[in-house]
């Protein structure tokens, strides 16, 4: 149960109704993470714009790598809502429920290659141990593996974005949709 007032779809009017209708048209349904921002409708648009830029724009990181990092960040923060949504999105690429579940349980058991493992370690460390970034060793390690500066920036944006959303979900009490987050257009 959310901890703040949420304007539901059937109650929405004006600009909020327009935004809800557009989301439903594009994504197939309205997510609770968007509805939690209903008191600030334009923040929903800015949120979606940021999400689309970070997760769908051209990048040296694949879509699957970005979704994988979203899952690891959300696991690190114990954000069930984002774990479920982004595990489903990741499985659109991996097509292996068992492997995705292993990623959520312990990414070391998910059969990751060196590149994927480095991204997962980066996501976890940046989420839980930001003080370790005072030294350049973590970034230098990504460069040694072959990540470009642009890829490192993109990885940082993914982790930072999901830390933002995880905290919004956890603090405001966003619950998983009744359909368990299934059926979105990715």
N, C-alpha and C. Protein backbone atom coordinates (compact mmCIF):
# COMPACT_ATOMS: atom_id res chain seq x y z
N UNK A 1 0.84 -1.18 0.00
CA UNK A 1 0.00 0.00 0.00
C UNK A 1 0.89 1.23 0.00
N UNK A 2 0.63 2.13 -0.93
CA UNK A 2 1.46 3.33 -1.01
C UNK A 2 1.30 4.18 0.26
N UNK A 3 2.34 4.91 0.56
CA UNK A 3 2.39 5.72 1.78
C UNK A 3 1.99 7.17 1.53
N UNK A 4 1.71 7.50 0.27
CA UNK A 4 1.23 8.84 -0.07
C UNK A 4 0.01 8.68 -0.97
N UNK A 5 -0.72 9.77 -1.15
CA UNK A 5 -1.90 9.75 -2.02
C UNK A 5 -1.48 9.46 -3.46
N UNK A 6 -2.23 8.58 -4.09
CA UNK A 6 -2.01 8.23 -5.50
C UNK A 6 -3.32 8.44 -6.24
N UNK A 7 -3.26 9.17 -7.33
CA UNK A 7 -4.44 9.38 -8.17
C UNK A 7 -4.51 8.22 -9.16
N UNK A 8 -5.55 7.43 -9.03
CA UNK A 8 -5.72 6.27 -9.89
C UNK A 8 -6.20 6.69 -11.28
N UNK A 9 -6.09 5.79 -12.21
CA UNK A 9 -6.44 6.07 -13.61
C UNK A 9 -7.87 6.58 -13.74
N UNK A 10 -8.81 5.94 -13.07
CA UNK A 10 -10.23 6.33 -13.20
C UNK A 10 -10.52 7.69 -12.57
N UNK A 11 -9.64 8.17 -11.70
CA UNK A 11 -9.82 9.48 -11.04
C UNK A 11 -9.07 10.60 -11.76
N UNK A 12 -8.20 10.25 -12.68
CA UNK A 12 -7.32 11.23 -13.32
C UNK A 12 -8.10 12.16 -14.23
N UNK A 13 -7.70 13.42 -14.22
CA UNK A 13 -8.29 14.43 -15.10
C UNK A 13 -7.17 15.27 -15.68
N UNK A 14 -7.51 16.05 -16.68
CA UNK A 14 -6.57 17.01 -17.24
C UNK A 14 -5.29 16.39 -17.73
N UNK A 15 -4.19 17.05 -17.39
CA UNK A 15 -2.86 16.62 -17.87
C UNK A 15 -2.52 15.22 -17.38
N UNK A 16 -2.86 14.90 -16.13
CA UNK A 16 -2.56 13.56 -15.62
C UNK A 16 -3.27 12.49 -16.43
N UNK A 17 -4.52 12.72 -16.78
CA UNK A 17 -5.26 11.76 -17.60
C UNK A 17 -4.59 11.59 -18.96
N UNK A 18 -4.16 12.69 -19.56
CA UNK A 18 -3.45 12.63 -20.85
C UNK A 18 -2.19 11.77 -20.73
N UNK A 19 -1.44 11.99 -19.66
CA UNK A 19 -0.19 11.24 -19.45
C UNK A 19 -0.50 9.76 -19.24
N UNK A 20 -1.47 9.46 -18.39
CA UNK A 20 -1.85 8.06 -18.17
C UNK A 20 -2.28 7.40 -19.48
N UNK A 21 -3.12 8.07 -20.25
CA UNK A 21 -3.61 7.50 -21.51
C UNK A 21 -2.46 7.23 -22.48
N UNK A 22 -1.50 8.15 -22.54
CA UNK A 22 -0.35 7.98 -23.44
C UNK A 22 0.51 6.80 -23.01
N UNK A 23 0.71 6.66 -21.71
CA UNK A 23 1.50 5.52 -21.20
C UNK A 23 0.81 4.21 -21.55
N UNK A 24 -0.49 4.15 -21.33
CA UNK A 24 -1.23 2.92 -21.63
C UNK A 24 -1.16 2.60 -23.13
N UNK A 25 -1.27 3.62 -23.95
CA UNK A 25 -1.17 3.41 -25.40
C UNK A 25 0.20 2.84 -25.79
N UNK A 26 1.26 3.39 -25.22
CA UNK A 26 2.61 2.99 -25.60
C UNK A 26 3.07 1.70 -24.92
N UNK A 27 2.73 1.52 -23.63
CA UNK A 27 3.28 0.41 -22.86
C UNK A 27 2.27 -0.70 -22.59
N UNK A 28 1.01 -0.48 -22.94
CA UNK A 28 0.01 -1.51 -22.74
C UNK A 28 -0.72 -1.43 -21.42
N UNK A 29 -0.10 -0.81 -20.43
CA UNK A 29 -0.71 -0.64 -19.11
C UNK A 29 0.07 0.38 -18.30
N UNK A 30 -0.49 0.75 -17.18
CA UNK A 30 0.07 1.77 -16.32
C UNK A 30 0.78 1.13 -15.13
N UNK A 31 2.04 1.47 -14.93
CA UNK A 31 2.82 0.88 -13.84
C UNK A 31 2.62 1.68 -12.56
N UNK A 32 2.69 0.98 -11.44
CA UNK A 32 2.57 1.62 -10.13
C UNK A 32 3.68 2.64 -9.90
N UNK A 33 4.86 2.40 -10.45
CA UNK A 33 5.97 3.34 -10.28
C UNK A 33 5.68 4.68 -10.94
N UNK A 34 4.82 4.68 -11.95
CA UNK A 34 4.41 5.94 -12.56
C UNK A 34 3.27 6.58 -11.77
N UNK A 35 2.34 5.77 -11.33
CA UNK A 35 1.21 6.31 -10.56
C UNK A 35 1.65 6.95 -9.24
N UNK A 36 2.75 6.46 -8.66
CA UNK A 36 3.20 7.03 -7.39
C UNK A 36 3.58 8.50 -7.57
N UNK A 37 3.84 8.91 -8.79
CA UNK A 37 4.22 10.29 -9.09
C UNK A 37 3.01 11.13 -9.54
N UNK A 38 1.82 10.62 -9.33
CA UNK A 38 0.61 11.25 -9.87
C UNK A 38 0.37 12.66 -9.35
N UNK A 39 0.88 12.99 -8.19
CA UNK A 39 0.70 14.35 -7.66
C UNK A 39 1.59 15.36 -8.38
N UNK A 40 2.55 14.87 -9.15
CA UNK A 40 3.44 15.71 -9.97
C UNK A 40 3.48 15.12 -11.37
N UNK A 41 2.40 15.29 -12.16
CA UNK A 41 2.28 14.64 -13.46
C UNK A 41 3.48 14.84 -14.40
N UNK A 42 4.03 16.04 -14.45
CA UNK A 42 5.14 16.26 -15.37
C UNK A 42 6.38 15.47 -14.96
N UNK A 43 6.49 15.12 -13.66
CA UNK A 43 7.63 14.30 -13.24
C UNK A 43 7.54 12.91 -13.86
N UNK A 44 6.34 12.45 -14.15
CA UNK A 44 6.17 11.14 -14.80
C UNK A 44 6.81 11.19 -16.19
N UNK A 45 6.53 12.25 -16.93
CA UNK A 45 7.08 12.41 -18.28
C UNK A 45 8.61 12.48 -18.22
N UNK A 46 9.13 13.29 -17.31
CA UNK A 46 10.60 13.42 -17.18
C UNK A 46 11.22 12.09 -16.77
N UNK A 47 10.54 11.37 -15.89
CA UNK A 47 11.02 10.06 -15.45
C UNK A 47 11.10 9.11 -16.64
N UNK A 48 10.06 9.04 -17.42
CA UNK A 48 10.03 8.15 -18.59
C UNK A 48 11.09 8.57 -19.60
N UNK A 49 11.24 9.86 -19.82
CA UNK A 49 12.27 10.34 -20.75
C UNK A 49 13.66 9.89 -20.30
N UNK A 50 13.94 10.04 -19.01
CA UNK A 50 15.24 9.62 -18.48
C UNK A 50 15.42 8.11 -18.63
N UNK A 51 14.39 7.36 -18.28
CA UNK A 51 14.43 5.90 -18.43
C UNK A 51 14.72 5.49 -19.87
N UNK A 52 14.00 6.10 -20.81
CA UNK A 52 14.19 5.75 -22.22
C UNK A 52 15.61 6.09 -22.69
N UNK A 53 16.12 7.22 -22.27
CA UNK A 53 17.48 7.62 -22.65
C UNK A 53 18.51 6.64 -22.10
N UNK A 54 18.39 6.29 -20.84
CA UNK A 54 19.38 5.43 -20.21
C UNK A 54 19.27 3.98 -20.66
N UNK A 55 18.06 3.49 -20.81
CA UNK A 55 17.88 2.06 -21.08
C UNK A 55 17.71 1.69 -22.55
N UNK A 56 17.32 2.64 -23.40
CA UNK A 56 17.01 2.29 -24.79
C UNK A 56 17.85 3.02 -25.83
N UNK A 57 18.60 4.04 -25.45
CA UNK A 57 19.36 4.78 -26.45
C UNK A 57 20.56 3.95 -26.92
N UNK A 58 21.17 4.41 -27.99
CA UNK A 58 22.36 3.73 -28.52
C UNK A 58 23.44 3.74 -27.45
N UNK A 59 24.11 2.61 -27.28
CA UNK A 59 25.10 2.47 -26.22
C UNK A 59 26.08 1.37 -26.58
N UNK A 60 27.27 1.45 -26.00
CA UNK A 60 28.22 0.34 -26.10
C UNK A 60 27.78 -0.84 -25.24
N UNK A 61 26.80 -0.61 -24.37
CA UNK A 61 26.21 -1.68 -23.57
C UNK A 61 24.95 -2.18 -24.27
N UNK A 62 24.76 -3.47 -24.28
CA UNK A 62 23.55 -4.03 -24.88
C UNK A 62 22.35 -3.76 -23.98
N UNK A 63 21.16 -3.89 -24.54
CA UNK A 63 19.94 -3.77 -23.73
C UNK A 63 19.95 -4.82 -22.62
N UNK A 64 20.37 -6.04 -22.96
CA UNK A 64 20.40 -7.11 -21.95
C UNK A 64 21.38 -6.76 -20.83
N UNK A 65 22.53 -6.21 -21.17
CA UNK A 65 23.48 -5.83 -20.12
C UNK A 65 22.89 -4.77 -19.20
N UNK A 66 22.18 -3.82 -19.77
CA UNK A 66 21.58 -2.76 -18.95
C UNK A 66 20.49 -3.33 -18.06
N UNK A 67 19.66 -4.24 -18.58
CA UNK A 67 18.62 -4.87 -17.76
C UNK A 67 19.25 -5.73 -16.66
N UNK A 68 20.32 -6.42 -16.99
CA UNK A 68 21.03 -7.24 -16.01
C UNK A 68 21.53 -6.36 -14.86
N UNK A 69 22.11 -5.21 -15.18
CA UNK A 69 22.58 -4.29 -14.15
C UNK A 69 21.42 -3.73 -13.34
N UNK A 70 20.28 -3.50 -13.98
CA UNK A 70 19.09 -3.04 -13.26
C UNK A 70 18.67 -4.07 -12.22
N UNK A 71 18.72 -5.33 -12.59
CA UNK A 71 18.35 -6.40 -11.67
C UNK A 71 19.33 -6.47 -10.51
N UNK A 72 20.62 -6.44 -10.79
CA UNK A 72 21.62 -6.54 -9.73
C UNK A 72 21.53 -5.34 -8.78
N UNK A 73 21.33 -4.16 -9.32
CA UNK A 73 21.16 -2.97 -8.47
C UNK A 73 19.94 -3.14 -7.58
N UNK A 74 18.85 -3.60 -8.16
CA UNK A 74 17.60 -3.76 -7.41
C UNK A 74 17.70 -4.87 -6.36
N UNK A 75 18.42 -5.93 -6.68
CA UNK A 75 18.67 -6.98 -5.69
C UNK A 75 19.50 -6.40 -4.54
N UNK A 76 20.52 -5.64 -4.87
CA UNK A 76 21.38 -5.04 -3.85
C UNK A 76 20.60 -4.14 -2.91
N UNK A 77 19.59 -3.46 -3.45
CA UNK A 77 18.75 -2.57 -2.65
C UNK A 77 17.53 -3.28 -2.05
N UNK A 78 17.37 -4.57 -2.33
CA UNK A 78 16.22 -5.35 -1.88
C UNK A 78 14.91 -4.73 -2.37
N UNK A 79 14.91 -4.27 -3.61
CA UNK A 79 13.71 -3.69 -4.22
C UNK A 79 13.03 -4.75 -5.08
N UNK A 80 12.08 -5.43 -4.49
CA UNK A 80 11.37 -6.52 -5.15
C UNK A 80 10.66 -6.03 -6.41
N UNK A 81 10.02 -4.88 -6.33
CA UNK A 81 9.27 -4.33 -7.46
C UNK A 81 10.15 -4.25 -8.72
N UNK A 82 11.30 -3.61 -8.60
CA UNK A 82 12.17 -3.45 -9.77
C UNK A 82 12.85 -4.76 -10.16
N UNK A 83 13.12 -5.63 -9.18
CA UNK A 83 13.67 -6.94 -9.52
C UNK A 83 12.74 -7.68 -10.46
N UNK A 84 11.45 -7.69 -10.12
CA UNK A 84 10.47 -8.42 -10.92
C UNK A 84 10.35 -7.80 -12.31
N UNK A 85 10.13 -6.49 -12.37
CA UNK A 85 9.96 -5.84 -13.67
C UNK A 85 11.17 -6.04 -14.58
N UNK A 86 12.35 -5.88 -14.04
CA UNK A 86 13.53 -5.92 -14.90
C UNK A 86 14.07 -7.33 -15.10
N UNK A 87 13.70 -8.25 -14.24
CA UNK A 87 13.96 -9.66 -14.53
C UNK A 87 13.15 -10.10 -15.73
N UNK A 88 11.89 -9.67 -15.78
CA UNK A 88 11.06 -10.00 -16.94
C UNK A 88 11.60 -9.36 -18.21
N UNK A 89 12.04 -8.11 -18.10
CA UNK A 89 12.62 -7.44 -19.28
C UNK A 89 13.89 -8.16 -19.72
N UNK A 90 14.75 -8.52 -18.78
CA UNK A 90 15.98 -9.24 -19.10
C UNK A 90 15.68 -10.57 -19.76
N UNK A 91 14.66 -11.25 -19.28
CA UNK A 91 14.34 -12.56 -19.85
C UNK A 91 13.84 -12.46 -21.28
N UNK A 92 13.41 -11.29 -21.71
CA UNK A 92 13.10 -11.10 -23.14
C UNK A 92 14.33 -11.32 -23.99
N UNK A 93 15.51 -11.10 -23.42
CA UNK A 93 16.77 -11.28 -24.14
C UNK A 93 17.41 -12.63 -23.82
N UNK A 94 17.45 -12.99 -22.55
CA UNK A 94 18.10 -14.25 -22.16
C UNK A 94 17.25 -15.47 -22.48
N UNK A 95 15.95 -15.34 -22.36
CA UNK A 95 15.01 -16.44 -22.58
C UNK A 95 15.40 -17.68 -21.76
N UNK A 96 15.68 -17.43 -20.48
CA UNK A 96 16.11 -18.48 -19.57
C UNK A 96 15.72 -18.08 -18.14
N UNK A 97 14.50 -18.48 -17.74
CA UNK A 97 13.99 -18.12 -16.41
C UNK A 97 14.93 -18.55 -15.29
N UNK A 98 15.52 -19.75 -15.42
CA UNK A 98 16.40 -20.26 -14.38
C UNK A 98 17.63 -19.39 -14.23
N UNK A 99 18.20 -18.97 -15.33
CA UNK A 99 19.39 -18.12 -15.29
C UNK A 99 19.08 -16.75 -14.68
N UNK A 100 17.93 -16.20 -15.04
CA UNK A 100 17.52 -14.91 -14.46
C UNK A 100 17.33 -15.06 -12.96
N UNK A 101 16.71 -16.16 -12.54
CA UNK A 101 16.53 -16.39 -11.10
C UNK A 101 17.88 -16.53 -10.39
N UNK A 102 18.82 -17.20 -11.03
CA UNK A 102 20.17 -17.31 -10.44
C UNK A 102 20.82 -15.94 -10.34
N UNK A 103 20.60 -15.09 -11.32
CA UNK A 103 21.14 -13.73 -11.26
C UNK A 103 20.60 -13.02 -10.02
N UNK A 104 19.32 -13.20 -9.76
CA UNK A 104 18.70 -12.55 -8.60
C UNK A 104 19.19 -13.14 -7.28
N UNK A 105 19.44 -14.42 -7.26
CA UNK A 105 19.86 -15.10 -6.03
C UNK A 105 21.34 -14.86 -5.74
N UNK A 106 22.18 -15.10 -6.76
CA UNK A 106 23.63 -14.88 -6.64
C UNK A 106 24.18 -14.83 -8.05
N UNK A 107 24.48 -13.64 -8.52
CA UNK A 107 24.90 -13.50 -9.92
C UNK A 107 26.15 -14.31 -10.25
N UNK A 108 26.92 -14.71 -9.25
CA UNK A 108 28.10 -15.54 -9.49
C UNK A 108 27.72 -16.93 -10.01
N UNK A 109 26.47 -17.34 -9.79
CA UNK A 109 26.00 -18.65 -10.23
C UNK A 109 25.20 -18.59 -11.53
N UNK A 110 25.17 -17.44 -12.18
CA UNK A 110 24.30 -17.25 -13.36
C UNK A 110 25.00 -17.52 -14.68
N UNK A 111 26.19 -18.08 -14.66
CA UNK A 111 26.89 -18.42 -15.90
C UNK A 111 27.25 -17.20 -16.73
N UNK A 112 27.72 -16.17 -16.08
CA UNK A 112 28.05 -14.92 -16.77
C UNK A 112 29.45 -14.97 -17.36
N UNK A 113 29.62 -14.28 -18.47
CA UNK A 113 30.96 -14.14 -19.03
C UNK A 113 31.69 -13.03 -18.27
N UNK A 114 32.96 -12.83 -18.58
CA UNK A 114 33.77 -11.85 -17.84
C UNK A 114 33.18 -10.44 -17.94
N UNK A 115 32.69 -10.08 -19.09
CA UNK A 115 32.12 -8.75 -19.29
C UNK A 115 30.87 -8.56 -18.41
N UNK A 116 29.98 -9.54 -18.45
CA UNK A 116 28.76 -9.48 -17.65
C UNK A 116 29.08 -9.47 -16.16
N UNK A 117 30.01 -10.30 -15.76
CA UNK A 117 30.40 -10.37 -14.35
C UNK A 117 30.96 -9.03 -13.89
N UNK A 118 31.78 -8.39 -14.70
CA UNK A 118 32.34 -7.09 -14.34
C UNK A 118 31.24 -6.04 -14.18
N UNK A 119 30.23 -6.08 -15.05
CA UNK A 119 29.12 -5.13 -14.94
C UNK A 119 28.30 -5.38 -13.67
N UNK A 120 28.09 -6.64 -13.34
CA UNK A 120 27.34 -6.96 -12.11
C UNK A 120 28.11 -6.52 -10.88
N UNK A 121 29.40 -6.78 -10.87
CA UNK A 121 30.22 -6.36 -9.74
C UNK A 121 30.23 -4.84 -9.61
N UNK A 122 30.31 -4.15 -10.73
CA UNK A 122 30.26 -2.69 -10.74
C UNK A 122 28.94 -2.20 -10.18
N UNK A 123 27.83 -2.79 -10.63
CA UNK A 123 26.50 -2.37 -10.16
C UNK A 123 26.36 -2.57 -8.65
N UNK A 124 26.79 -3.71 -8.17
CA UNK A 124 26.68 -3.99 -6.74
C UNK A 124 27.57 -3.05 -5.93
N UNK A 125 28.80 -2.87 -6.36
CA UNK A 125 29.73 -2.02 -5.63
C UNK A 125 29.27 -0.56 -5.63
N UNK A 126 28.82 -0.06 -6.77
CA UNK A 126 28.38 1.32 -6.83
C UNK A 126 27.13 1.54 -5.98
N UNK A 127 26.31 0.53 -5.85
CA UNK A 127 25.10 0.61 -5.03
C UNK A 127 25.41 0.54 -3.54
N UNK A 128 26.28 -0.38 -3.15
CA UNK A 128 26.50 -0.65 -1.73
C UNK A 128 27.76 -0.03 -1.14
N UNK A 129 28.74 0.27 -1.97
CA UNK A 129 30.04 0.72 -1.46
C UNK A 129 30.59 1.90 -2.25
N UNK A 130 29.84 2.96 -2.33
CA UNK A 130 30.27 4.10 -3.14
C UNK A 130 31.59 4.69 -2.67
N UNK A 131 31.92 4.53 -1.40
CA UNK A 131 33.18 5.07 -0.90
C UNK A 131 34.39 4.43 -1.58
N UNK A 132 34.24 3.22 -2.13
CA UNK A 132 35.33 2.56 -2.83
C UNK A 132 35.67 3.24 -4.16
N UNK A 133 34.83 4.16 -4.59
CA UNK A 133 35.07 4.85 -5.85
C UNK A 133 35.94 6.09 -5.68
N UNK A 134 36.40 6.34 -4.46
CA UNK A 134 37.33 7.45 -4.24
C UNK A 134 38.65 7.17 -4.94
N UNK A 135 38.95 5.91 -5.12
CA UNK A 135 40.13 5.47 -5.87
C UNK A 135 39.67 5.05 -7.25
N UNK A 136 40.57 5.00 -8.20
CA UNK A 136 40.18 4.71 -9.59
C UNK A 136 40.22 3.23 -9.95
N UNK A 137 40.52 2.36 -9.00
CA UNK A 137 40.72 0.94 -9.30
C UNK A 137 39.52 0.29 -9.99
N UNK A 138 38.32 0.57 -9.53
CA UNK A 138 37.13 -0.07 -10.12
C UNK A 138 36.95 0.36 -11.57
N UNK A 139 37.09 1.63 -11.84
CA UNK A 139 36.96 2.13 -13.21
C UNK A 139 38.12 1.62 -14.06
N UNK A 140 39.32 1.63 -13.51
CA UNK A 140 40.48 1.12 -14.24
C UNK A 140 40.29 -0.34 -14.63
N UNK A 141 39.68 -1.12 -13.74
CA UNK A 141 39.42 -2.53 -14.04
C UNK A 141 38.46 -2.67 -15.23
N UNK A 142 37.42 -1.84 -15.28
CA UNK A 142 36.50 -1.89 -16.42
C UNK A 142 37.23 -1.54 -17.72
N UNK A 143 38.12 -0.58 -17.66
CA UNK A 143 38.89 -0.20 -18.85
C UNK A 143 39.80 -1.34 -19.30
N UNK A 144 40.42 -2.04 -18.35
CA UNK A 144 41.31 -3.17 -18.67
C UNK A 144 40.53 -4.28 -19.37
N UNK A 145 39.29 -4.46 -18.96
CA UNK A 145 38.44 -5.50 -19.57
C UNK A 145 38.05 -5.11 -21.00
N UNK A 146 38.09 -3.81 -21.28
CA UNK A 146 37.79 -3.35 -22.64
C UNK A 146 36.60 -2.41 -22.75
N UNK A 147 36.07 -1.97 -21.64
CA UNK A 147 34.94 -1.04 -21.68
C UNK A 147 35.44 0.35 -22.06
N UNK A 148 34.74 0.97 -22.96
CA UNK A 148 35.05 2.34 -23.36
C UNK A 148 34.58 3.30 -22.27
N UNK A 149 35.08 4.53 -22.33
CA UNK A 149 34.61 5.54 -21.39
C UNK A 149 33.10 5.74 -21.52
N UNK A 150 32.59 5.70 -22.75
CA UNK A 150 31.15 5.86 -22.96
C UNK A 150 30.37 4.72 -22.31
N UNK A 151 30.89 3.50 -22.41
CA UNK A 151 30.22 2.35 -21.78
C UNK A 151 30.25 2.48 -20.26
N UNK A 152 31.34 2.98 -19.71
CA UNK A 152 31.45 3.16 -18.26
C UNK A 152 30.46 4.23 -17.81
N UNK A 153 30.35 5.30 -18.57
CA UNK A 153 29.34 6.32 -18.25
C UNK A 153 27.95 5.71 -18.30
N UNK A 154 27.65 4.96 -19.35
CA UNK A 154 26.32 4.34 -19.46
C UNK A 154 26.04 3.38 -18.31
N UNK A 155 27.04 2.60 -17.91
CA UNK A 155 26.86 1.69 -16.77
C UNK A 155 26.57 2.48 -15.50
N UNK A 156 27.28 3.57 -15.32
CA UNK A 156 27.07 4.42 -14.14
C UNK A 156 25.67 5.02 -14.17
N UNK A 157 25.22 5.45 -15.33
CA UNK A 157 23.87 6.00 -15.45
C UNK A 157 22.81 4.96 -15.11
N UNK A 158 22.98 3.74 -15.58
CA UNK A 158 22.02 2.67 -15.27
C UNK A 158 21.94 2.45 -13.76
N UNK A 159 23.08 2.30 -13.12
CA UNK A 159 23.10 2.03 -11.68
C UNK A 159 22.52 3.22 -10.92
N UNK A 160 22.92 4.42 -11.28
CA UNK A 160 22.41 5.61 -10.59
C UNK A 160 20.89 5.73 -10.76
N UNK A 161 20.41 5.49 -11.98
CA UNK A 161 18.97 5.56 -12.24
C UNK A 161 18.21 4.56 -11.37
N UNK A 162 18.69 3.33 -11.31
CA UNK A 162 17.96 2.32 -10.55
C UNK A 162 18.08 2.53 -9.04
N UNK A 163 19.15 3.12 -8.59
CA UNK A 163 19.20 3.51 -7.18
C UNK A 163 18.14 4.57 -6.89
N UNK A 164 17.99 5.52 -7.79
CA UNK A 164 16.93 6.55 -7.67
C UNK A 164 15.55 5.90 -7.61
N UNK A 165 15.24 5.05 -8.57
CA UNK A 165 13.91 4.44 -8.64
C UNK A 165 13.69 3.49 -7.47
N UNK A 166 14.70 2.69 -7.12
CA UNK A 166 14.56 1.78 -5.97
C UNK A 166 14.20 2.55 -4.72
N UNK A 167 14.84 3.68 -4.51
CA UNK A 167 14.57 4.45 -3.30
C UNK A 167 13.18 5.06 -3.33
N UNK A 168 12.73 5.47 -4.49
CA UNK A 168 11.37 5.99 -4.61
C UNK A 168 10.36 4.88 -4.30
N UNK A 169 10.57 3.72 -4.89
CA UNK A 169 9.67 2.58 -4.69
C UNK A 169 9.65 2.15 -3.22
N UNK A 170 10.83 2.00 -2.63
CA UNK A 170 10.91 1.52 -1.25
C UNK A 170 10.38 2.53 -0.25
N UNK A 171 10.72 3.79 -0.41
CA UNK A 171 10.30 4.78 0.58
C UNK A 171 8.81 5.10 0.51
N UNK A 172 8.25 5.09 -0.70
CA UNK A 172 6.85 5.48 -0.86
C UNK A 172 5.89 4.29 -0.87
N UNK A 173 6.42 3.08 -0.76
CA UNK A 173 5.56 1.90 -0.65
C UNK A 173 4.89 1.49 -1.94
N UNK A 174 5.64 1.48 -3.03
CA UNK A 174 5.08 1.06 -4.32
C UNK A 174 5.02 -0.47 -4.34
N UNK A 175 3.83 -0.98 -4.57
CA UNK A 175 3.62 -2.43 -4.61
C UNK A 175 3.56 -2.92 -6.04
N UNK A 176 3.92 -4.17 -6.22
CA UNK A 176 3.86 -4.80 -7.52
C UNK A 176 2.41 -4.83 -8.01
N UNK A 177 2.23 -4.65 -9.29
CA UNK A 177 0.90 -4.67 -9.87
C UNK A 177 0.24 -6.04 -9.67
N UNK A 178 -1.07 -6.05 -9.73
CA UNK A 178 -1.83 -7.29 -9.53
C UNK A 178 -1.42 -8.37 -10.53
N UNK A 179 -1.00 -7.96 -11.73
CA UNK A 179 -0.59 -8.93 -12.74
C UNK A 179 0.89 -9.28 -12.62
N UNK A 180 1.50 -8.93 -11.47
CA UNK A 180 2.90 -9.23 -11.17
C UNK A 180 3.86 -8.63 -12.20
N UNK A 181 3.50 -7.46 -12.72
CA UNK A 181 4.37 -6.75 -13.65
C UNK A 181 4.43 -7.34 -15.04
N UNK A 182 3.55 -8.26 -15.36
CA UNK A 182 3.59 -8.92 -16.67
C UNK A 182 2.75 -8.15 -17.68
N UNK A 183 3.12 -8.31 -18.94
CA UNK A 183 2.31 -7.79 -20.03
C UNK A 183 2.66 -6.40 -20.51
N UNK A 184 3.82 -5.87 -20.12
CA UNK A 184 4.23 -4.55 -20.61
C UNK A 184 4.87 -4.68 -21.97
N UNK A 185 4.72 -3.65 -22.78
CA UNK A 185 5.41 -3.58 -24.06
C UNK A 185 6.81 -3.07 -23.80
N UNK A 186 7.81 -3.89 -24.05
CA UNK A 186 9.20 -3.47 -23.81
C UNK A 186 9.82 -3.00 -25.11
